[in-house]
Amino acid sequence: MSQGLVPLKAVPVKAAPAKAGRRRAGRPPLALLGPAQITRAALKLVSRDGYKALTMSKLAKSLNVAPSALYNHVRSKQELLRLVEDSLMARVDVSAFLDQPWDQAVSKWAHSYRDVFSSHLPLIPVIALLPVTNAPQTLLMYEAVTEGFLRAGWPSARIIDAIVALESFIFGSAYDVNAPSDIFAPGELGATAPAFSSAVAHRSNAGQLNDADAAFSLGLAALIAGLATTLV
């Protein structure tokens, strides 16, 4: 060592304080994805742009992931539709079948069913024709309804036909909720259909019900009463 030079002591270097964690720009990690997130994004996409917009590529884009990442969770559009179906059917209230008379339980179930699908009209033509195979929440909904029918004395052989008859009315009524208020206005051709025009003009609904609710309540009551007579 050269004379006059003093060896330097090693000075410990303080580590810089760690910066608050921030997700890197770009696509989120795959772990953020799951059935609930995918289903919410699919429903939002359909509500905004219609059913035709529900493609795997557009859904992946709305989730800010690559399509390949989406396919790690949902293998096909059919599987995606089952998730959507299950999400909607899980919202249908079937609790009345546990402890209320059959007619009241059917009425509450039908009202809940209509309310769920009146908010998701673009999906009705799809869900109405989608098999319930491997859709757990959908099957649980139908199980609760079927058990309610059985407790009311319905034979197993006739229950599904009764449910289909009710669903046909429910889906149609969901559309009516969204119909314009002047859907039956004859316009300048009122004289062409005088009886109909008069009925439209005199349409009135008691109990503060709007037209859609009044029509649904009337039709549902008639349908329930008619179904009940078939058990006699």
Protein backbone atom coordinates (compact mmCIF):
# COMPACT_ATOMS: atom_id res chain seq x y z
CA MET A 1 0.00 0.00 0.00
CA SER A 2 1.38 3.45 -0.88
CA GLN A 3 2.47 5.58 2.03
CA GLY A 4 -0.01 8.21 3.14
CA LEU A 5 -3.05 6.43 1.81
CA VAL A 6 -5.57 5.47 4.46
CA PRO A 7 -7.78 2.51 3.69
CA LEU A 8 -11.44 3.40 3.38
CA LYS A 9 -13.85 1.75 5.73
CA ALA A 10 -16.74 -0.02 4.23
CA VAL A 11 -19.80 2.13 4.67
CA PRO A 12 -23.11 0.26 4.74
CA VAL A 13 -25.45 1.48 2.08
CA LYS A 14 -29.01 2.06 3.16
CA ALA A 15 -31.56 0.43 0.97
CA ALA A 16 -33.90 2.88 -0.70
CA PRO A 17 -37.35 2.81 0.86
CA ALA A 18 -39.68 0.53 -1.05
CA LYS A 19 -42.15 2.37 -3.16
CA ALA A 20 -45.83 1.69 -2.77
CA GLY A 21 -46.82 -1.25 -4.90
CA ARG A 22 -48.40 -0.34 -8.19
CA ARG A 23 -49.71 -2.72 -10.79
CA ARG A 24 -47.73 -2.52 -13.96
CA ALA A 25 -49.45 -1.07 -16.96
CA GLY A 26 -51.00 -3.54 -19.31
CA ARG A 27 -53.25 -6.49 -18.81
CA PRO A 28 -54.08 -7.53 -15.24
CA PRO A 29 -52.72 -10.83 -13.95
CA LEU A 30 -54.79 -13.90 -14.72
CA ALA A 31 -55.58 -14.44 -11.04
CA LEU A 32 -57.94 -11.44 -11.11
CA LEU A 33 -60.30 -13.31 -13.41
CA GLY A 34 -63.02 -15.59 -12.17
CA PRO A 35 -66.59 -16.64 -12.98
CA ALA A 36 -68.14 -13.69 -11.14
CA GLN A 37 -66.01 -11.08 -12.93
CA ILE A 38 -66.55 -12.73 -16.30
CA THR A 39 -70.31 -12.96 -15.80
CA ARG A 40 -70.63 -9.33 -14.71
CA ALA A 41 -68.64 -8.19 -17.74
CA ALA A 42 -70.77 -10.33 -20.07
CA LEU A 43 -74.03 -8.93 -18.68
CA LYS A 44 -72.71 -5.38 -18.92
CA LEU A 45 -71.63 -5.96 -22.52
CA VAL A 46 -75.03 -7.35 -23.52
CA SER A 47 -76.93 -4.59 -21.70
CA ARG A 48 -74.89 -1.94 -23.48
CA ASP A 49 -74.49 -3.37 -26.98
CA GLY A 50 -76.97 -6.26 -27.32
CA TYR A 51 -76.49 -10.01 -27.47
CA LYS A 52 -74.68 -9.96 -30.82
CA ALA A 53 -71.87 -8.05 -29.13
CA LEU A 54 -71.23 -10.93 -26.76
CA THR A 55 -68.22 -12.56 -28.41
CA MET A 56 -65.25 -14.05 -26.63
CA SER A 57 -62.90 -11.50 -28.20
CA LYS A 58 -65.04 -8.49 -27.20
CA LEU A 59 -65.54 -9.90 -23.73
CA ALA A 60 -61.79 -10.38 -23.32
CA LYS A 61 -61.22 -6.81 -24.45
CA SER A 62 -63.76 -5.48 -21.95
CA LEU A 63 -61.91 -7.37 -19.21
CA ASN A 64 -58.55 -6.09 -20.45
CA VAL A 65 -57.18 -9.59 -20.92
CA ALA A 66 -56.03 -11.61 -23.87
CA PRO A 67 -58.61 -14.01 -25.35
CA SER A 68 -56.31 -16.88 -24.42
CA ALA A 69 -56.52 -15.83 -20.77
CA LEU A 70 -60.32 -15.81 -20.95
CA TYR A 71 -60.34 -19.32 -22.42
CA ASN A 72 -58.44 -20.53 -19.37
CA HIS A 73 -61.61 -19.81 -17.37
CA VAL A 74 -64.39 -20.26 -19.94
CA ARG A 75 -63.73 -22.90 -22.58
CA SER A 76 -66.49 -21.88 -25.01
CA LYS A 77 -69.30 -19.43 -25.60
CA GLN A 78 -71.74 -22.15 -24.56
CA GLU A 79 -70.04 -22.36 -21.19
CA LEU A 80 -70.11 -18.57 -20.94
CA LEU A 81 -73.85 -18.59 -21.58
CA ARG A 82 -74.31 -21.14 -18.81
CA LEU A 83 -72.57 -18.76 -16.43
CA VAL A 84 -74.87 -15.95 -17.53
CA GLU A 85 -77.94 -18.17 -17.26
CA ASP A 86 -76.96 -19.26 -13.75
CA SER A 87 -76.31 -15.68 -12.68
CA LEU A 88 -79.80 -14.59 -13.74
CA MET A 89 -81.65 -17.64 -12.44
CA ALA A 90 -79.95 -17.28 -9.05
CA ARG A 91 -81.69 -13.89 -8.73
CA VAL A 92 -85.18 -15.39 -9.14
CA ASP A 93 -86.88 -15.60 -5.74
CA VAL A 94 -88.20 -19.09 -4.99
CA SER A 95 -88.39 -18.71 -1.21
CA ALA A 96 -92.20 -18.58 -1.13
CA PHE A 97 -92.39 -22.23 -2.17
CA LEU A 98 -91.03 -23.18 1.26
CA ASP A 99 -93.92 -21.99 3.40
CA GLN A 100 -96.67 -20.32 1.38
CA PRO A 101 -99.71 -21.73 -0.44
CA TRP A 102 -99.00 -22.90 -3.98
CA ASP A 103 -100.89 -20.12 -5.77
CA GLN A 104 -99.18 -17.38 -3.75
CA ALA A 105 -95.78 -19.00 -4.18
CA VAL A 106 -96.22 -19.25 -7.96
CA SER A 107 -97.30 -15.62 -8.11
CA LYS A 108 -94.25 -14.37 -6.17
CA TRP A 109 -91.90 -16.56 -8.19
CA ALA A 110 -93.41 -15.36 -11.47
CA HIS A 111 -93.18 -11.69 -10.49
CA SER A 112 -89.54 -12.10 -9.49
CA TYR A 113 -88.77 -14.05 -12.67
CA ARG A 114 -90.34 -11.34 -14.85
CA ASP A 115 -88.49 -8.56 -13.01
CA VAL A 116 -85.11 -10.27 -13.52
CA PHE A 117 -85.57 -10.77 -17.24
CA SER A 118 -87.28 -7.46 -17.96
CA SER A 119 -83.87 -5.95 -17.14
CA HIS A 120 -82.09 -8.29 -19.55
CA LEU A 121 -84.33 -8.45 -22.63
CA PRO A 122 -81.57 -9.27 -25.17
CA LEU A 123 -80.90 -12.52 -23.33
CA ILE A 124 -84.47 -13.85 -23.31
CA PRO A 125 -84.32 -15.51 -26.77
CA VAL A 126 -81.02 -17.11 -25.77
CA ILE A 127 -81.84 -18.23 -22.23
CA ALA A 128 -85.30 -19.48 -23.22
CA LEU A 129 -83.67 -21.96 -25.61
CA LEU A 130 -80.55 -22.77 -23.59
CA PRO A 131 -80.41 -26.26 -22.04
CA VAL A 132 -80.11 -26.29 -18.27
CA THR A 133 -77.46 -29.02 -18.47
CA ASN A 134 -74.66 -28.47 -15.92
CA ALA A 135 -76.08 -25.12 -14.76
CA PRO A 136 -76.21 -25.55 -10.95
CA GLN A 137 -78.08 -22.38 -9.94
CA THR A 138 -80.63 -22.87 -12.70
CA LEU A 139 -81.24 -26.45 -11.60
CA LEU A 140 -81.62 -25.35 -7.97
CA MET A 141 -84.23 -22.80 -9.02
CA TYR A 142 -86.23 -25.42 -10.89
CA GLU A 143 -85.80 -27.89 -8.01
CA ALA A 144 -87.37 -25.46 -5.55
CA VAL A 145 -90.30 -24.81 -7.90
CA THR A 146 -90.82 -28.51 -8.57
CA GLU A 147 -90.79 -29.34 -4.87
CA GLY A 148 -93.40 -26.64 -4.31
CA PHE A 149 -95.61 -28.16 -7.00
CA LEU A 150 -95.20 -31.63 -5.50
CA ARG A 151 -96.18 -30.41 -2.05
CA ALA A 152 -99.30 -28.88 -3.59
CA GLY A 153 -100.33 -32.28 -4.95
CA TRP A 154 -99.15 -31.99 -8.53
CA PRO A 155 -98.24 -35.28 -10.21
CA SER A 156 -94.64 -35.31 -11.47
CA ALA A 157 -95.76 -36.02 -15.03
CA ARG A 158 -97.53 -32.64 -15.33
CA ILE A 159 -95.20 -30.27 -13.51
CA ILE A 160 -92.80 -29.42 -16.34
CA ASP A 161 -95.65 -28.59 -18.73
CA ALA A 162 -97.10 -26.23 -16.12
CA ILE A 163 -93.71 -24.55 -15.60
CA VAL A 164 -93.24 -24.10 -19.36
CA ALA A 165 -96.72 -22.57 -19.67
CA LEU A 166 -95.88 -20.10 -16.91
CA GLU A 167 -92.46 -19.29 -18.35
CA SER A 168 -93.94 -18.57 -21.77
CA PHE A 169 -96.20 -15.97 -20.18
CA ILE A 170 -93.40 -14.59 -17.98
CA PHE A 171 -90.97 -14.05 -20.86
CA GLY A 172 -93.61 -12.32 -22.97
CA SER A 173 -94.56 -10.10 -20.05
CA ALA A 174 -90.91 -9.14 -19.54
CA TYR A 175 -91.01 -7.59 -23.02
CA ASP A 176 -94.22 -5.74 -22.18
CA VAL A 177 -92.49 -4.03 -19.24
CA ASN A 178 -90.25 -2.33 -21.79
CA ALA A 179 -92.95 -1.54 -24.36
CA PRO A 180 -93.66 2.14 -25.16
CA SER A 181 -96.68 3.60 -23.42
CA ASP A 182 -98.39 4.34 -26.74
CA ILE A 183 -97.88 0.88 -28.22
CA PHE A 184 -101.63 0.47 -28.88
CA ALA A 185 -102.29 4.00 -30.13
CA PRO A 186 -104.12 3.65 -33.51
CA GLY A 187 -103.09 7.09 -34.68
CA GLU A 188 -105.05 8.47 -37.61
CA LEU A 189 -106.57 5.06 -38.34
CA GLY A 190 -108.72 4.90 -35.20
CA ALA A 191 -111.90 4.78 -37.26
CA THR A 192 -110.62 1.63 -38.98
CA ALA A 193 -110.76 -0.27 -35.68
CA PRO A 194 -113.39 1.59 -33.58
CA ALA A 195 -113.95 -1.12 -30.97
CA PHE A 196 -110.25 -1.55 -30.38
CA SER A 197 -109.61 2.19 -30.31
CA SER A 198 -112.39 2.65 -27.76
CA ALA A 199 -110.96 -0.11 -25.56
CA VAL A 200 -107.54 1.53 -25.68
CA ALA A 201 -109.01 4.91 -24.81
CA HIS A 202 -110.94 3.48 -21.87
CA ARG A 203 -108.12 1.34 -20.53
CA SER A 204 -107.81 2.00 -16.81
CA ASN A 205 -106.04 0.12 -14.06
CA ALA A 206 -106.99 0.25 -10.42
CA GLY A 207 -104.62 0.06 -7.52
CA GLN A 208 -102.02 2.44 -8.94
CA LEU A 209 -100.68 -0.27 -11.26
CA ASN A 210 -99.07 0.70 -14.53
CA ASP A 211 -100.37 -0.96 -17.69
CA ALA A 212 -97.66 -3.62 -17.81
CA ASP A 213 -98.12 -4.61 -14.16
CA ALA A 214 -101.90 -4.64 -14.46
CA ALA A 215 -101.83 -6.87 -17.54
CA PHE A 216 -99.31 -9.20 -15.90
CA SER A 217 -101.32 -9.50 -12.70
CA LEU A 218 -104.54 -10.20 -14.62
CA GLY A 219 -102.98 -12.78 -16.89
CA LEU A 220 -101.00 -14.49 -14.14
CA ALA A 221 -104.04 -14.78 -11.88
CA ALA A 222 -106.03 -16.33 -14.73
CA LEU A 223 -103.19 -18.71 -15.58
CA ILE A 224 -102.74 -19.84 -11.97
CA ALA A 225 -106.48 -20.34 -11.52
CA GLY A 226 -106.66 -22.28 -14.77
CA LEU A 227 -103.74 -24.52 -13.80
CA ALA A 228 -105.34 -25.17 -10.43
CA THR A 229 -108.52 -26.46 -12.05
CA THR A 230 -106.56 -29.13 -13.87
CA LEU A 231 -105.87 -30.83 -10.54
CA VAL A 232 -109.56 -31.30 -9.75
